[in-house]
């Protein structure tokens, strides 16, 4: 009897879920598409009375480039900016 219960549960899971978590109904894949929300990237560093100011970007790559830009960041917080660049796995190398 234990095998029947396990088989029933596995059969239900297999039948209920389609590829990539999409649900299957009448052998047709039902999609729900929602508009993507724009992403925003923002940082500010304050070190020893110096501030980068609030820096805002609309893409990850622009934020990574912004971290490297010393003039944009008021020549401030280079070590902190490099640390965030590295931890965020920005492409390329940090050079100021």
N, C-alpha and C. Protein backbone atom coordinates (compact mmCIF):
# COMPACT_ATOMS: atom_id res chain seq x y z
N UNK A 1 0.83 -1.19 0.00
CA UNK A 1 0.00 0.00 0.00
C UNK A 1 0.87 1.26 0.00
N UNK A 2 2.00 1.22 0.66
CA UNK A 2 2.90 2.35 0.67
C UNK A 2 3.37 2.71 -0.72
N UNK A 3 3.62 1.74 -1.58
CA UNK A 3 4.08 2.01 -2.93
C UNK A 3 3.00 2.70 -3.76
N UNK A 4 1.76 2.36 -3.53
CA UNK A 4 0.66 2.97 -4.28
C UNK A 4 0.56 4.46 -3.93
N UNK A 5 0.69 4.79 -2.68
CA UNK A 5 0.61 6.19 -2.25
C UNK A 5 1.75 6.99 -2.85
N UNK A 6 2.96 6.47 -2.80
CA UNK A 6 4.11 7.17 -3.37
C UNK A 6 3.92 7.35 -4.87
N UNK A 7 3.45 6.32 -5.55
CA UNK A 7 3.22 6.40 -6.99
C UNK A 7 2.16 7.46 -7.30
N UNK A 8 1.11 7.52 -6.50
CA UNK A 8 0.05 8.50 -6.73
C UNK A 8 0.58 9.92 -6.56
N UNK A 9 1.39 10.16 -5.55
CA UNK A 9 1.93 11.49 -5.32
C UNK A 9 2.86 11.88 -6.46
N UNK A 10 3.73 10.99 -6.88
CA UNK A 10 4.65 11.29 -7.97
C UNK A 10 3.90 11.52 -9.27
N UNK A 11 2.86 10.75 -9.51
CA UNK A 11 2.07 10.94 -10.72
C UNK A 11 1.40 12.30 -10.73
N UNK A 12 0.89 12.73 -9.60
CA UNK A 12 0.24 14.03 -9.50
C UNK A 12 1.23 15.17 -9.79
N UNK A 13 2.40 15.08 -9.22
CA UNK A 13 3.42 16.11 -9.44
C UNK A 13 3.82 16.14 -10.90
N UNK A 14 4.02 15.00 -11.50
CA UNK A 14 4.44 14.91 -12.90
C UNK A 14 3.38 15.48 -13.84
N UNK A 15 2.15 15.20 -13.57
CA UNK A 15 1.05 15.65 -14.44
C UNK A 15 0.76 17.13 -14.23
N UNK A 16 0.90 17.63 -13.01
CA UNK A 16 0.51 19.00 -12.69
C UNK A 16 1.48 20.04 -13.21
N UNK A 17 2.77 19.74 -13.20
CA UNK A 17 3.75 20.76 -13.56
C UNK A 17 4.32 20.51 -14.94
N UNK A 18 4.43 21.57 -15.69
CA UNK A 18 5.05 21.47 -17.01
C UNK A 18 6.50 21.90 -16.93
N UNK A 19 7.09 22.09 -18.08
CA UNK A 19 8.48 22.51 -18.18
C UNK A 19 8.65 23.90 -17.58
N UNK A 20 9.73 24.12 -16.87
CA UNK A 20 10.09 25.41 -16.28
C UNK A 20 9.01 25.94 -15.33
N UNK A 21 8.30 25.09 -14.64
CA UNK A 21 7.31 25.52 -13.68
C UNK A 21 6.03 26.06 -14.30
N UNK A 22 5.86 25.90 -15.59
CA UNK A 22 4.63 26.34 -16.24
C UNK A 22 3.58 25.25 -16.07
N UNK A 23 2.35 25.65 -15.93
CA UNK A 23 1.30 24.69 -15.75
C UNK A 23 0.75 24.24 -17.10
N UNK A 24 0.41 22.97 -17.17
CA UNK A 24 -0.10 22.40 -18.41
C UNK A 24 -1.59 22.13 -18.23
N UNK A 25 -2.39 22.63 -19.16
CA UNK A 25 -3.83 22.38 -19.14
C UNK A 25 -4.25 21.94 -20.53
N UNK A 26 -4.87 20.79 -20.61
CA UNK A 26 -5.32 20.25 -21.89
C UNK A 26 -4.18 20.18 -22.92
N UNK A 27 -3.03 19.82 -22.47
CA UNK A 27 -1.83 19.66 -23.31
C UNK A 27 -1.38 20.97 -23.97
N UNK A 28 -1.84 22.10 -23.46
CA UNK A 28 -1.38 23.40 -23.94
C UNK A 28 -0.67 24.10 -22.80
N UNK A 29 0.41 24.77 -23.09
CA UNK A 29 1.14 25.51 -22.06
C UNK A 29 0.46 26.86 -21.88
N UNK A 30 0.18 27.19 -20.64
CA UNK A 30 -0.47 28.46 -20.31
C UNK A 30 0.61 29.41 -19.80
N UNK A 31 0.78 30.55 -20.46
CA UNK A 31 1.79 31.53 -20.07
C UNK A 31 1.14 32.72 -19.41
N UNK A 32 1.79 33.24 -18.42
CA UNK A 32 1.38 34.50 -17.83
C UNK A 32 2.56 35.45 -17.99
N UNK A 33 2.39 36.50 -18.76
CA UNK A 33 3.47 37.43 -19.01
C UNK A 33 3.14 38.76 -18.35
N UNK A 34 4.05 39.20 -17.51
CA UNK A 34 3.88 40.48 -16.84
C UNK A 34 4.99 41.41 -17.32
N UNK A 35 4.70 42.68 -17.46
CA UNK A 35 5.75 43.62 -17.87
C UNK A 35 6.85 43.68 -16.83
N UNK A 36 8.07 43.78 -17.30
CA UNK A 36 9.21 43.86 -16.38
C UNK A 36 9.26 45.25 -15.75
N UNK A 37 9.61 45.28 -14.49
CA UNK A 37 9.81 46.55 -13.81
C UNK A 37 11.23 47.03 -14.09
N UNK A 38 11.40 48.31 -14.33
CA UNK A 38 12.75 48.80 -14.55
C UNK A 38 13.59 48.64 -13.29
N UNK A 39 14.84 48.28 -13.48
CA UNK A 39 15.73 48.11 -12.34
C UNK A 39 16.50 49.40 -12.13
N UNK A 40 16.79 49.70 -10.89
CA UNK A 40 17.57 50.88 -10.55
C UNK A 40 18.74 50.45 -9.69
N UNK A 41 19.88 51.06 -9.92
CA UNK A 41 21.08 50.79 -9.15
C UNK A 41 21.54 52.09 -8.54
N UNK A 42 21.84 52.04 -7.24
CA UNK A 42 22.17 53.27 -6.52
C UNK A 42 23.21 52.97 -5.46
N UNK A 43 24.12 53.91 -5.27
CA UNK A 43 25.07 53.80 -4.17
C UNK A 43 25.49 55.19 -3.72
N UNK A 44 26.01 55.23 -2.51
CA UNK A 44 26.63 56.43 -1.97
C UNK A 44 27.64 55.97 -0.93
N UNK A 45 28.84 56.51 -1.00
CA UNK A 45 29.86 56.21 0.00
C UNK A 45 30.27 57.51 0.68
N UNK A 46 30.48 57.43 1.99
CA UNK A 46 31.00 58.55 2.77
C UNK A 46 32.20 58.04 3.55
N UNK A 47 33.35 58.60 3.26
CA UNK A 47 34.58 58.17 3.92
C UNK A 47 35.39 59.40 4.30
N UNK A 48 35.71 59.52 5.59
CA UNK A 48 36.57 60.62 6.08
C UNK A 48 36.11 62.00 5.60
N UNK A 49 34.83 62.28 5.72
CA UNK A 49 34.29 63.58 5.35
C UNK A 49 34.11 63.77 3.85
N UNK A 50 34.39 62.77 3.09
CA UNK A 50 34.25 62.82 1.64
C UNK A 50 33.04 61.97 1.24
N UNK A 51 32.30 62.42 0.25
CA UNK A 51 31.15 61.64 -0.21
C UNK A 51 31.14 61.52 -1.73
N UNK A 52 30.70 60.38 -2.20
CA UNK A 52 30.55 60.18 -3.64
C UNK A 52 29.29 60.87 -4.13
N UNK A 53 28.42 61.23 -3.21
CA UNK A 53 27.09 61.69 -3.58
C UNK A 53 26.26 60.47 -3.95
N UNK A 54 24.98 60.66 -4.05
CA UNK A 54 24.11 59.54 -4.44
C UNK A 54 24.23 59.37 -5.95
N UNK A 55 24.64 58.20 -6.35
CA UNK A 55 24.81 57.89 -7.77
C UNK A 55 23.72 56.90 -8.17
N UNK A 56 22.98 57.20 -9.22
CA UNK A 56 21.88 56.35 -9.68
C UNK A 56 22.10 55.97 -11.14
N UNK A 57 21.77 54.71 -11.45
CA UNK A 57 21.96 54.19 -12.80
C UNK A 57 20.77 53.32 -13.17
N UNK A 58 20.48 53.23 -14.46
CA UNK A 58 19.34 52.43 -14.90
C UNK A 58 19.74 51.04 -15.40
N UNK A 59 21.06 50.76 -15.47
CA UNK A 59 21.50 49.41 -15.83
C UNK A 59 22.66 49.01 -14.94
N UNK A 60 22.86 47.73 -14.80
CA UNK A 60 23.95 47.18 -14.01
C UNK A 60 25.30 47.60 -14.60
N UNK A 61 25.44 47.52 -15.92
CA UNK A 61 26.72 47.87 -16.55
C UNK A 61 27.06 49.35 -16.34
N UNK A 62 26.07 50.21 -16.39
CA UNK A 62 26.32 51.64 -16.14
C UNK A 62 26.76 51.86 -14.69
N UNK A 63 26.16 51.11 -13.76
CA UNK A 63 26.55 51.22 -12.36
C UNK A 63 27.99 50.78 -12.17
N UNK A 64 28.38 49.70 -12.84
CA UNK A 64 29.76 49.22 -12.75
C UNK A 64 30.73 50.26 -13.30
N UNK A 65 30.38 50.87 -14.42
CA UNK A 65 31.23 51.92 -14.99
C UNK A 65 31.29 53.12 -14.06
N UNK A 66 30.16 53.44 -13.44
CA UNK A 66 30.11 54.56 -12.50
C UNK A 66 31.02 54.35 -11.31
N UNK A 67 31.09 53.13 -10.82
CA UNK A 67 31.97 52.83 -9.68
C UNK A 67 33.43 53.13 -10.02
N UNK A 68 33.80 52.95 -11.25
CA UNK A 68 35.20 53.15 -11.66
C UNK A 68 35.54 54.62 -11.92
N UNK A 69 34.54 55.46 -12.07
CA UNK A 69 34.74 56.85 -12.47
C UNK A 69 35.05 57.74 -11.26
N UNK A 70 36.33 58.05 -11.08
CA UNK A 70 36.76 58.86 -9.92
C UNK A 70 36.18 60.27 -9.95
N UNK A 71 36.13 60.88 -11.12
CA UNK A 71 35.60 62.24 -11.22
C UNK A 71 34.12 62.27 -10.84
N UNK A 72 33.35 61.32 -11.34
CA UNK A 72 31.93 61.24 -11.00
C UNK A 72 31.73 61.09 -9.50
N UNK A 73 32.63 60.37 -8.86
CA UNK A 73 32.53 60.07 -7.43
C UNK A 73 33.32 61.03 -6.55
N UNK A 74 33.62 62.21 -7.08
CA UNK A 74 34.32 63.26 -6.33
C UNK A 74 35.67 62.80 -5.78
N UNK A 75 36.34 61.92 -6.51
CA UNK A 75 37.65 61.39 -6.09
C UNK A 75 37.57 60.78 -4.69
N UNK A 76 36.44 60.19 -4.37
CA UNK A 76 36.17 59.73 -3.00
C UNK A 76 35.94 58.22 -2.94
N UNK A 77 36.32 57.62 -1.83
CA UNK A 77 35.99 56.24 -1.46
C UNK A 77 36.42 55.20 -2.49
N UNK A 78 37.63 55.36 -3.01
CA UNK A 78 38.08 54.44 -4.05
C UNK A 78 38.09 52.99 -3.57
N UNK A 79 38.60 52.72 -2.37
CA UNK A 79 38.65 51.34 -1.87
C UNK A 79 37.25 50.76 -1.71
N UNK A 80 36.31 51.54 -1.23
CA UNK A 80 34.93 51.08 -1.06
C UNK A 80 34.27 50.81 -2.41
N UNK A 81 34.53 51.68 -3.36
CA UNK A 81 33.97 51.51 -4.70
C UNK A 81 34.54 50.26 -5.37
N UNK A 82 35.84 50.05 -5.19
CA UNK A 82 36.47 48.85 -5.76
C UNK A 82 35.93 47.58 -5.11
N UNK A 83 35.71 47.63 -3.81
CA UNK A 83 35.15 46.47 -3.10
C UNK A 83 33.75 46.13 -3.62
N UNK A 84 32.90 47.14 -3.81
CA UNK A 84 31.56 46.90 -4.34
C UNK A 84 31.63 46.39 -5.78
N UNK A 85 32.53 46.95 -6.57
CA UNK A 85 32.74 46.51 -7.95
C UNK A 85 33.06 45.02 -7.98
N UNK A 86 33.98 44.60 -7.12
CA UNK A 86 34.41 43.20 -7.07
C UNK A 86 33.29 42.29 -6.55
N UNK A 87 32.66 42.68 -5.45
CA UNK A 87 31.60 41.86 -4.85
C UNK A 87 30.36 41.75 -5.75
N UNK A 88 30.15 42.74 -6.60
CA UNK A 88 28.99 42.72 -7.50
C UNK A 88 29.28 41.93 -8.77
N UNK A 89 30.52 41.47 -8.90
CA UNK A 89 30.97 40.72 -10.07
C UNK A 89 30.75 41.54 -11.34
N UNK A 90 31.20 42.78 -11.28
CA UNK A 90 31.16 43.64 -12.46
C UNK A 90 32.15 43.11 -13.49
N UNK A 91 31.83 43.27 -14.76
CA UNK A 91 32.76 42.79 -15.79
C UNK A 91 33.99 43.69 -15.89
N UNK A 92 35.08 43.11 -16.29
CA UNK A 92 36.31 43.88 -16.46
C UNK A 92 37.07 44.06 -15.16
N UNK A 93 37.95 45.03 -15.17
CA UNK A 93 38.76 45.31 -13.99
C UNK A 93 38.49 46.71 -13.48
N UNK A 94 38.62 46.88 -12.17
CA UNK A 94 38.43 48.20 -11.57
C UNK A 94 39.71 48.99 -11.75
N UNK A 95 39.59 50.12 -12.42
CA UNK A 95 40.72 51.04 -12.58
C UNK A 95 40.17 52.44 -12.42
N UNK A 96 40.83 53.21 -11.56
CA UNK A 96 40.33 54.57 -11.37
C UNK A 96 41.27 55.59 -11.96
